[in-house]
Amino acid sequence: MTNPRENPRGLLLIAALKLLKGLSLLCAGIAVHMLVKKDLVAEAQRWADLFRIDPHNHYLNALIEKMTNVDRNKLRELGVGTFIYSSLFFTEGIGLALHKRWAEFLTIISTAGLIPLEVYVLYNHPTPLRAILLLVNIGVVVYLIYEVRRATEAKKAQAL
C-alpha cells in the first residue's frame, strides 16, 4: 500500500477540477463552433420559443440586440481559443492525476500567470464569486508550490 503522502489527495482534487474545466470548455467550444454557421438571432429566438420565454422580455431583447453585432471571425477565434484553453486544462488534469512533476509546474505557471488579470477584473468589477475564484487559484498555486518543495526535499533525503 502506498503512503498517503506519496499520493496527495489535494493533487487529485485539483486534477479533477482541471478535467471538469477542460470538459466544460470543450463543450462551450463545440457550441461556439456550431453557432458560427447559424443565424444567431434566429437561433436565440428559437431557444426562447423552446423555453417559452416572453418575446417582450427585456433581457432576451438585449441579448438579441447584442447578437446582431457578433462578428463571425471573432466567434471563430473564440471557438479556437476555447479549444486551446480546454486542451491546457486536460493536459494539466491528466498530468496531475498521473502524479507527473511537470504537470505541477505547468499548473503553477498557468494558474499564477492569470492571477494578476483576475485581480484587475476583481478590482474593476468586484463580485463575491470572482473573489472566491481568486482565492481558490491562489490556494492552488500555494499548495502546488508546497507539494513541489516537499517532493524535492524528499528526493534529497533519499539521496543521502
N, C-alpha and C. Protein backbone atom coordinates (compact mmCIF):
# COMPACT_ATOMS: atom_id res chain seq x y z
N MET A 1 0.84 -1.18 0.00
CA MET A 1 0.00 0.00 0.00
C MET A 1 0.89 1.24 0.00
N THR A 2 0.48 2.25 -0.77
CA THR A 2 1.29 3.46 -0.87
C THR A 2 1.02 4.38 0.30
N ASN A 3 2.02 5.13 0.62
CA ASN A 3 1.91 6.13 1.67
C ASN A 3 1.05 7.29 1.17
N PRO A 4 0.07 7.75 1.96
CA PRO A 4 -0.79 8.85 1.51
C PRO A 4 0.01 10.11 1.18
N ARG A 5 1.17 10.28 1.79
CA ARG A 5 1.99 11.45 1.49
C ARG A 5 2.58 11.35 0.09
N GLU A 6 2.66 10.12 -0.47
CA GLU A 6 3.18 9.95 -1.83
C GLU A 6 2.11 10.27 -2.87
N ASN A 7 0.85 10.14 -2.53
CA ASN A 7 -0.26 10.43 -3.44
C ASN A 7 -1.21 11.42 -2.78
N PRO A 8 -0.82 12.68 -2.71
CA PRO A 8 -1.67 13.66 -2.01
C PRO A 8 -3.04 13.79 -2.66
N ARG A 9 -4.06 13.79 -1.81
CA ARG A 9 -5.44 13.92 -2.31
C ARG A 9 -5.69 15.29 -2.91
N GLY A 10 -4.96 16.28 -2.42
CA GLY A 10 -5.11 17.63 -2.96
C GLY A 10 -4.79 17.68 -4.45
N LEU A 11 -3.75 16.92 -4.86
CA LEU A 11 -3.40 16.88 -6.29
C LEU A 11 -4.52 16.24 -7.09
N LEU A 12 -5.12 15.20 -6.55
CA LEU A 12 -6.23 14.55 -7.26
C LEU A 12 -7.46 15.46 -7.34
N LEU A 13 -7.71 16.24 -6.29
CA LEU A 13 -8.82 17.19 -6.32
C LEU A 13 -8.58 18.27 -7.38
N ILE A 14 -7.36 18.80 -7.42
CA ILE A 14 -7.02 19.81 -8.42
C ILE A 14 -7.12 19.20 -9.81
N ALA A 15 -6.66 17.96 -9.97
CA ALA A 15 -6.75 17.28 -11.27
C ALA A 15 -8.20 17.14 -11.70
N ALA A 16 -9.06 16.75 -10.77
CA ALA A 16 -10.48 16.60 -11.10
C ALA A 16 -11.09 17.94 -11.51
N LEU A 17 -10.73 19.01 -10.81
CA LEU A 17 -11.25 20.34 -11.17
C LEU A 17 -10.75 20.77 -12.54
N LYS A 18 -9.48 20.50 -12.83
CA LYS A 18 -8.93 20.86 -14.15
C LYS A 18 -9.61 20.06 -15.25
N LEU A 19 -9.86 18.79 -15.02
CA LEU A 19 -10.55 17.97 -16.03
C LEU A 19 -11.99 18.45 -16.23
N LEU A 20 -12.65 18.84 -15.14
CA LEU A 20 -14.01 19.37 -15.25
C LEU A 20 -14.03 20.68 -16.04
N LYS A 21 -13.06 21.55 -15.76
CA LYS A 21 -12.95 22.81 -16.52
C LYS A 21 -12.67 22.51 -18.00
N GLY A 22 -11.79 21.55 -18.26
CA GLY A 22 -11.47 21.19 -19.63
C GLY A 22 -12.69 20.67 -20.37
N LEU A 23 -13.46 19.83 -19.72
CA LEU A 23 -14.68 19.30 -20.33
C LEU A 23 -15.69 20.41 -20.58
N SER A 24 -15.84 21.32 -19.61
CA SER A 24 -16.77 22.44 -19.78
C SER A 24 -16.38 23.32 -20.96
N LEU A 25 -15.09 23.62 -21.06
CA LEU A 25 -14.63 24.45 -22.18
C LEU A 25 -14.74 23.72 -23.51
N LEU A 26 -14.52 22.42 -23.50
CA LEU A 26 -14.69 21.64 -24.73
C LEU A 26 -16.13 21.73 -25.22
N CYS A 27 -17.08 21.58 -24.30
CA CYS A 27 -18.50 21.70 -24.66
C CYS A 27 -18.82 23.10 -25.16
N ALA A 28 -18.28 24.11 -24.49
CA ALA A 28 -18.51 25.50 -24.93
C ALA A 28 -17.90 25.73 -26.31
N GLY A 29 -16.72 25.18 -26.54
CA GLY A 29 -16.07 25.33 -27.84
C GLY A 29 -16.87 24.68 -28.96
N ILE A 30 -17.42 23.51 -28.67
CA ILE A 30 -18.26 22.83 -29.66
C ILE A 30 -19.51 23.66 -29.95
N ALA A 31 -20.12 24.20 -28.90
CA ALA A 31 -21.32 25.03 -29.08
C ALA A 31 -21.00 26.27 -29.91
N VAL A 32 -19.88 26.92 -29.63
CA VAL A 32 -19.49 28.11 -30.40
C VAL A 32 -19.22 27.72 -31.84
N HIS A 33 -18.54 26.60 -32.04
CA HIS A 33 -18.25 26.13 -33.41
C HIS A 33 -19.55 25.88 -34.18
N MET A 34 -20.53 25.32 -33.52
CA MET A 34 -21.81 25.06 -34.18
C MET A 34 -22.57 26.36 -34.47
N LEU A 35 -22.42 27.36 -33.61
CA LEU A 35 -23.12 28.62 -33.79
C LEU A 35 -22.53 29.47 -34.92
N VAL A 36 -21.27 29.24 -35.26
CA VAL A 36 -20.62 30.03 -36.31
C VAL A 36 -21.38 29.92 -37.62
N LYS A 37 -21.95 28.77 -37.87
CA LYS A 37 -22.62 28.50 -39.15
C LYS A 37 -24.10 28.86 -39.14
N LYS A 38 -24.61 29.38 -38.02
CA LYS A 38 -26.05 29.63 -37.91
C LYS A 38 -26.34 31.13 -37.79
N ASP A 39 -27.57 31.48 -38.04
CA ASP A 39 -28.05 32.84 -37.82
C ASP A 39 -28.31 32.96 -36.32
N LEU A 40 -27.47 33.73 -35.64
CA LEU A 40 -27.53 33.80 -34.18
C LEU A 40 -28.85 34.36 -33.66
N VAL A 41 -29.39 35.35 -34.33
CA VAL A 41 -30.65 35.94 -33.89
C VAL A 41 -31.78 34.91 -34.01
N ALA A 42 -31.84 34.23 -35.14
CA ALA A 42 -32.87 33.20 -35.33
C ALA A 42 -32.70 32.07 -34.31
N GLU A 43 -31.45 31.71 -34.03
CA GLU A 43 -31.19 30.65 -33.05
C GLU A 43 -31.63 31.07 -31.65
N ALA A 44 -31.34 32.32 -31.27
CA ALA A 44 -31.77 32.82 -29.95
C ALA A 44 -33.29 32.84 -29.85
N GLN A 45 -33.95 33.25 -30.92
CA GLN A 45 -35.41 33.27 -30.90
C GLN A 45 -35.99 31.86 -30.82
N ARG A 46 -35.32 30.92 -31.50
CA ARG A 46 -35.77 29.52 -31.45
C ARG A 46 -35.66 28.97 -30.03
N TRP A 47 -34.54 29.26 -29.36
CA TRP A 47 -34.35 28.79 -27.98
C TRP A 47 -35.34 29.48 -27.04
N ALA A 48 -35.61 30.76 -27.28
CA ALA A 48 -36.58 31.47 -26.45
C ALA A 48 -37.96 30.84 -26.59
N ASP A 49 -38.32 30.47 -27.82
CA ASP A 49 -39.61 29.80 -28.04
C ASP A 49 -39.62 28.43 -27.35
N LEU A 50 -38.50 27.72 -27.47
CA LEU A 50 -38.40 26.38 -26.88
C LEU A 50 -38.60 26.43 -25.36
N PHE A 51 -38.02 27.46 -24.73
CA PHE A 51 -38.13 27.59 -23.27
C PHE A 51 -39.28 28.49 -22.85
N ARG A 52 -40.11 28.87 -23.82
CA ARG A 52 -41.31 29.67 -23.58
C ARG A 52 -40.99 30.98 -22.85
N ILE A 53 -39.96 31.66 -23.33
CA ILE A 53 -39.59 32.96 -22.78
C ILE A 53 -40.42 34.02 -23.48
N ASP A 54 -40.94 34.94 -22.71
CA ASP A 54 -41.76 36.02 -23.25
C ASP A 54 -40.97 36.78 -24.32
N PRO A 55 -41.50 36.90 -25.53
CA PRO A 55 -40.77 37.60 -26.60
C PRO A 55 -40.54 39.08 -26.30
N HIS A 56 -41.25 39.62 -25.34
CA HIS A 56 -41.08 41.03 -24.97
C HIS A 56 -40.15 41.18 -23.76
N ASN A 57 -39.52 40.10 -23.34
CA ASN A 57 -38.62 40.11 -22.20
C ASN A 57 -37.44 41.05 -22.48
N HIS A 58 -37.15 41.92 -21.54
CA HIS A 58 -36.07 42.90 -21.69
C HIS A 58 -34.72 42.22 -21.91
N TYR A 59 -34.42 41.20 -21.12
CA TYR A 59 -33.12 40.52 -21.22
C TYR A 59 -32.98 39.79 -22.56
N LEU A 60 -34.03 39.17 -23.01
CA LEU A 60 -33.99 38.48 -24.30
C LEU A 60 -33.73 39.48 -25.42
N ASN A 61 -34.43 40.60 -25.38
CA ASN A 61 -34.24 41.60 -26.42
C ASN A 61 -32.84 42.20 -26.38
N ALA A 62 -32.29 42.39 -25.18
CA ALA A 62 -30.91 42.90 -25.06
C ALA A 62 -29.92 41.88 -25.63
N LEU A 63 -30.15 40.59 -25.36
CA LEU A 63 -29.29 39.54 -25.91
C LEU A 63 -29.36 39.50 -27.42
N ILE A 64 -30.54 39.57 -27.96
CA ILE A 64 -30.72 39.54 -29.42
C ILE A 64 -30.06 40.76 -30.06
N GLU A 65 -30.19 41.90 -29.41
CA GLU A 65 -29.55 43.11 -29.93
C GLU A 65 -28.03 42.96 -29.98
N LYS A 66 -27.46 42.38 -28.93
CA LYS A 66 -26.01 42.16 -28.91
C LYS A 66 -25.59 41.14 -29.97
N MET A 67 -26.43 40.14 -30.21
CA MET A 67 -26.09 39.10 -31.19
C MET A 67 -26.06 39.64 -32.62
N THR A 68 -26.77 40.72 -32.87
CA THR A 68 -26.75 41.28 -34.23
C THR A 68 -25.39 41.88 -34.56
N ASN A 69 -24.59 42.19 -33.53
CA ASN A 69 -23.28 42.80 -33.74
C ASN A 69 -22.13 41.79 -33.65
N VAL A 70 -22.43 40.51 -33.49
CA VAL A 70 -21.39 39.50 -33.35
C VAL A 70 -20.72 39.26 -34.70
N ASP A 71 -19.40 39.37 -34.70
CA ASP A 71 -18.61 39.15 -35.90
C ASP A 71 -18.27 37.65 -36.00
N ARG A 72 -18.51 37.05 -37.15
CA ARG A 72 -18.27 35.60 -37.35
C ARG A 72 -16.79 35.25 -37.11
N ASN A 73 -15.88 36.11 -37.56
CA ASN A 73 -14.45 35.83 -37.37
C ASN A 73 -14.09 35.84 -35.89
N LYS A 74 -14.64 36.78 -35.13
CA LYS A 74 -14.39 36.81 -33.68
C LYS A 74 -14.97 35.57 -33.01
N LEU A 75 -16.11 35.12 -33.49
CA LEU A 75 -16.73 33.92 -32.95
C LEU A 75 -15.84 32.70 -33.22
N ARG A 76 -15.28 32.61 -34.42
CA ARG A 76 -14.35 31.52 -34.75
C ARG A 76 -13.11 31.57 -33.85
N GLU A 77 -12.56 32.78 -33.67
CA GLU A 77 -11.39 32.94 -32.81
C GLU A 77 -11.71 32.53 -31.38
N LEU A 78 -12.89 32.89 -30.91
CA LEU A 78 -13.31 32.50 -29.57
C LEU A 78 -13.37 30.97 -29.47
N GLY A 79 -13.92 30.32 -30.50
CA GLY A 79 -14.00 28.86 -30.50
C GLY A 79 -12.63 28.22 -30.46
N VAL A 80 -11.71 28.71 -31.28
CA VAL A 80 -10.34 28.16 -31.30
C VAL A 80 -9.66 28.37 -29.94
N GLY A 81 -9.80 29.59 -29.39
CA GLY A 81 -9.21 29.87 -28.08
C GLY A 81 -9.78 28.98 -27.00
N THR A 82 -11.06 28.70 -27.09
CA THR A 82 -11.71 27.81 -26.11
C THR A 82 -11.15 26.40 -26.21
N PHE A 83 -10.95 25.91 -27.43
CA PHE A 83 -10.37 24.57 -27.61
C PHE A 83 -8.94 24.51 -27.08
N ILE A 84 -8.15 25.56 -27.33
CA ILE A 84 -6.76 25.58 -26.86
C ILE A 84 -6.74 25.59 -25.33
N TYR A 85 -7.55 26.43 -24.73
CA TYR A 85 -7.60 26.51 -23.27
C TYR A 85 -8.11 25.21 -22.67
N SER A 86 -9.07 24.58 -23.34
CA SER A 86 -9.58 23.29 -22.89
C SER A 86 -8.47 22.24 -22.90
N SER A 87 -7.68 22.23 -23.96
CA SER A 87 -6.58 21.24 -24.03
C SER A 87 -5.53 21.49 -22.95
N LEU A 88 -5.31 22.77 -22.58
CA LEU A 88 -4.39 23.06 -21.47
C LEU A 88 -4.93 22.47 -20.18
N PHE A 89 -6.23 22.67 -19.91
CA PHE A 89 -6.82 22.11 -18.70
C PHE A 89 -6.76 20.58 -18.71
N PHE A 90 -7.04 19.95 -19.85
CA PHE A 90 -6.95 18.49 -19.93
C PHE A 90 -5.52 18.02 -19.67
N THR A 91 -4.54 18.72 -20.24
CA THR A 91 -3.14 18.35 -20.04
C THR A 91 -2.76 18.46 -18.56
N GLU A 92 -3.15 19.56 -17.93
CA GLU A 92 -2.86 19.73 -16.51
C GLU A 92 -3.56 18.64 -15.68
N GLY A 93 -4.83 18.43 -15.94
CA GLY A 93 -5.59 17.45 -15.16
C GLY A 93 -5.06 16.04 -15.28
N ILE A 94 -4.79 15.62 -16.50
CA ILE A 94 -4.27 14.26 -16.71
C ILE A 94 -2.88 14.13 -16.09
N GLY A 95 -2.04 15.14 -16.30
CA GLY A 95 -0.69 15.10 -15.71
C GLY A 95 -0.72 15.04 -14.20
N LEU A 96 -1.59 15.85 -13.57
CA LEU A 96 -1.69 15.82 -12.11
C LEU A 96 -2.26 14.48 -11.62
N ALA A 97 -3.23 13.94 -12.34
CA ALA A 97 -3.81 12.66 -11.94
C ALA A 97 -2.78 11.53 -12.02
N LEU A 98 -1.85 11.66 -12.95
CA LEU A 98 -0.78 10.66 -13.11
C LEU A 98 0.45 10.98 -12.26
N HIS A 99 0.34 12.00 -11.41
CA HIS A 99 1.40 12.42 -10.48
C HIS A 99 2.69 12.79 -11.22
N LYS A 100 2.55 13.53 -12.30
CA LYS A 100 3.71 13.99 -13.07
C LYS A 100 4.17 15.34 -12.53
N ARG A 101 5.46 15.44 -12.24
CA ARG A 101 6.02 16.68 -11.70
C ARG A 101 5.88 17.83 -12.69
N TRP A 102 6.04 17.56 -13.99
CA TRP A 102 5.92 18.62 -15.00
C TRP A 102 4.53 19.24 -14.98
N ALA A 103 3.51 18.42 -14.64
CA ALA A 103 2.14 18.93 -14.60
C ALA A 103 1.96 19.90 -13.43
N GLU A 104 2.65 19.62 -12.34
CA GLU A 104 2.59 20.55 -11.21
C GLU A 104 3.19 21.89 -11.60
N PHE A 105 4.35 21.86 -12.26
CA PHE A 105 4.98 23.11 -12.71
C PHE A 105 4.11 23.83 -13.74
N LEU A 106 3.55 23.09 -14.68
CA LEU A 106 2.68 23.69 -15.70
C LEU A 106 1.47 24.36 -15.05
N THR A 107 0.88 23.70 -14.08
CA THR A 107 -0.30 24.24 -13.40
C THR A 107 0.07 25.46 -12.56
N ILE A 108 1.22 25.42 -11.91
CA ILE A 108 1.67 26.59 -11.15
C ILE A 108 1.83 27.79 -12.08
N ILE A 109 2.52 27.58 -13.20
CA ILE A 109 2.79 28.68 -14.13
C ILE A 109 1.50 29.21 -14.75
N SER A 110 0.65 28.30 -15.24
CA SER A 110 -0.57 28.76 -15.92
C SER A 110 -1.55 29.41 -14.96
N THR A 111 -1.66 28.90 -13.76
CA THR A 111 -2.59 29.47 -12.78
C THR A 111 -2.05 30.78 -12.22
N ALA A 112 -0.79 30.81 -11.86
CA ALA A 112 -0.20 32.03 -11.30
C ALA A 112 -0.15 33.14 -12.34
N GLY A 113 0.02 32.77 -13.60
CA GLY A 113 0.10 33.76 -14.67
C GLY A 113 -1.20 34.53 -14.86
N LEU A 114 -2.31 33.93 -14.49
CA LEU A 114 -3.61 34.58 -14.65
C LEU A 114 -4.06 35.36 -13.41
N ILE A 115 -3.37 35.20 -12.30
CA ILE A 115 -3.77 35.87 -11.07
C ILE A 115 -3.76 37.40 -11.21
N PRO A 116 -2.74 38.02 -11.83
CA PRO A 116 -2.82 39.48 -12.00
C PRO A 116 -4.05 39.93 -12.79
N LEU A 117 -4.42 39.18 -13.82
CA LEU A 117 -5.61 39.52 -14.59
C LEU A 117 -6.86 39.38 -13.73
N GLU A 118 -6.92 38.32 -12.93
CA GLU A 118 -8.07 38.12 -12.04
C GLU A 118 -8.18 39.24 -11.02
N VAL A 119 -7.03 39.72 -10.50
CA VAL A 119 -7.03 40.83 -9.55
C VAL A 119 -7.56 42.09 -10.24
N TYR A 120 -7.11 42.34 -11.45
CA TYR A 120 -7.56 43.50 -12.21
C TYR A 120 -9.07 43.46 -12.45
N VAL A 121 -9.57 42.30 -12.89
CA VAL A 121 -11.00 42.16 -13.15
C VAL A 121 -11.79 42.32 -11.84
N LEU A 122 -11.30 41.71 -10.77
CA LEU A 122 -11.98 41.83 -9.48
C LEU A 122 -11.99 43.29 -9.01
N TYR A 123 -10.91 44.01 -9.22
CA TYR A 123 -10.85 45.41 -8.81
C TYR A 123 -11.87 46.26 -9.58
N ASN A 124 -11.98 46.02 -10.89
CA ASN A 124 -12.88 46.81 -11.73
C ASN A 124 -14.33 46.35 -11.68
N HIS A 125 -14.56 45.07 -11.45
CA HIS A 125 -15.91 44.52 -11.41
C HIS A 125 -16.01 43.53 -10.24
N PRO A 126 -16.02 44.04 -9.01
CA PRO A 126 -15.99 43.13 -7.86
C PRO A 126 -17.31 42.36 -7.69
N THR A 127 -17.16 41.05 -7.51
CA THR A 127 -18.28 40.19 -7.15
C THR A 127 -17.75 39.16 -6.15
N PRO A 128 -18.62 38.65 -5.31
CA PRO A 128 -18.17 37.61 -4.37
C PRO A 128 -17.61 36.37 -5.09
N LEU A 129 -18.22 35.98 -6.20
CA LEU A 129 -17.76 34.80 -6.93
C LEU A 129 -16.34 35.01 -7.46
N ARG A 130 -16.06 36.18 -8.01
CA ARG A 130 -14.70 36.46 -8.51
C ARG A 130 -13.69 36.44 -7.38
N ALA A 131 -14.08 36.97 -6.22
CA ALA A 131 -13.18 36.97 -5.06
C ALA A 131 -12.89 35.53 -4.62
N ILE A 132 -13.91 34.70 -4.59
CA ILE A 132 -13.73 33.30 -4.19
C ILE A 132 -12.83 32.57 -5.19
N LEU A 133 -13.08 32.77 -6.49
CA LEU A 133 -12.26 32.11 -7.51
C LEU A 133 -10.81 32.55 -7.43
N LEU A 134 -10.58 33.82 -7.16
CA LEU A 134 -9.21 34.32 -6.99
C LEU A 134 -8.53 33.63 -5.81
N LEU A 135 -9.24 33.54 -4.69
CA LEU A 135 -8.68 32.87 -3.51
C LEU A 135 -8.41 31.40 -3.77
N VAL A 136 -9.30 30.74 -4.50
CA VAL A 136 -9.08 29.32 -4.84
C VAL A 136 -7.83 29.17 -5.70
N ASN A 137 -7.67 30.04 -6.70
CA ASN A 137 -6.50 29.94 -7.56
C ASN A 137 -5.20 30.23 -6.81
N ILE A 138 -5.24 31.20 -5.91
CA ILE A 138 -4.06 31.46 -5.08
C ILE A 138 -3.76 30.25 -4.21
N GLY A 139 -4.81 29.65 -3.63
CA GLY A 139 -4.63 28.44 -2.82
C GLY A 139 -4.03 27.29 -3.62
N VAL A 140 -4.48 27.12 -4.87
CA VAL A 140 -3.95 26.06 -5.73
C VAL A 140 -2.46 26.27 -5.97
N VAL A 141 -2.08 27.51 -6.28
CA VAL A 141 -0.66 27.81 -6.54
C VAL A 141 0.18 27.56 -5.29
N VAL A 142 -0.29 28.05 -4.14
CA VAL A 142 0.46 27.86 -2.89
C VAL A 142 0.59 26.38 -2.57
N TYR A 143 -0.50 25.64 -2.71
CA TYR A 143 -0.47 24.20 -2.42
C TYR A 143 0.49 23.46 -3.36
N LEU A 144 0.46 23.78 -4.64
CA LEU A 144 1.33 23.09 -5.59
C LEU A 144 2.80 23.43 -5.34
N ILE A 145 3.08 24.67 -4.98
CA ILE A 145 4.47 25.03 -4.64
C ILE A 145 4.91 24.23 -3.42
N TYR A 146 4.04 24.11 -2.43
CA TYR A 146 4.34 23.29 -1.24
C TYR A 146 4.63 21.85 -1.64
N GLU A 147 3.81 21.28 -2.51
CA GLU A 147 3.99 19.88 -2.93
C GLU A 147 5.31 19.69 -3.69
N VAL A 148 5.63 20.64 -4.56
CA VAL A 148 6.87 20.54 -5.32
C VAL A 148 8.06 20.61 -4.37
N ARG A 149 8.02 21.54 -3.43
CA ARG A 149 9.13 21.66 -2.46
C ARG A 149 9.23 20.42 -1.59
N ARG A 150 8.09 19.89 -1.16
CA ARG A 150 8.08 18.69 -0.31
C ARG A 150 8.68 17.51 -1.06
N ALA A 151 8.31 17.36 -2.31
CA ALA A 151 8.83 16.25 -3.11
C ALA A 151 10.32 16.41 -3.37
N THR A 152 10.77 17.63 -3.58
CA THR A 152 12.20 17.89 -3.81
C THR A 152 13.00 17.56 -2.56
N GLU A 153 12.50 17.95 -1.40
CA GLU A 153 13.19 17.65 -0.14
C GLU A 153 13.19 16.16 0.14
N ALA A 154 12.12 15.47 -0.20
CA ALA A 154 12.05 14.01 -0.01
C ALA A 154 13.10 13.32 -0.89
N LYS A 155 13.27 13.82 -2.12
CA LYS A 155 14.28 13.23 -3.02
C LYS A 155 15.68 13.45 -2.49
N LYS A 156 15.93 14.65 -1.94
CA LYS A 156 17.23 14.94 -1.36
C LYS A 156 17.51 14.02 -0.17
N ALA A 157 16.50 13.79 0.65
CA ALA A 157 16.65 12.94 1.82
C ALA A 157 16.93 11.49 1.40
N GLN A 158 16.31 11.03 0.31
CA GLN A 158 16.56 9.66 -0.18
C GLN A 158 17.97 9.53 -0.73
N ALA A 159 18.47 10.61 -1.34
CA ALA A 159 19.81 10.57 -1.93
C ALA A 159 20.89 10.47 -0.87
N LEU A 160 20.60 10.98 0.32
CA LEU A 160 21.58 10.93 1.42
C LEU A 160 21.60 9.58 1.99
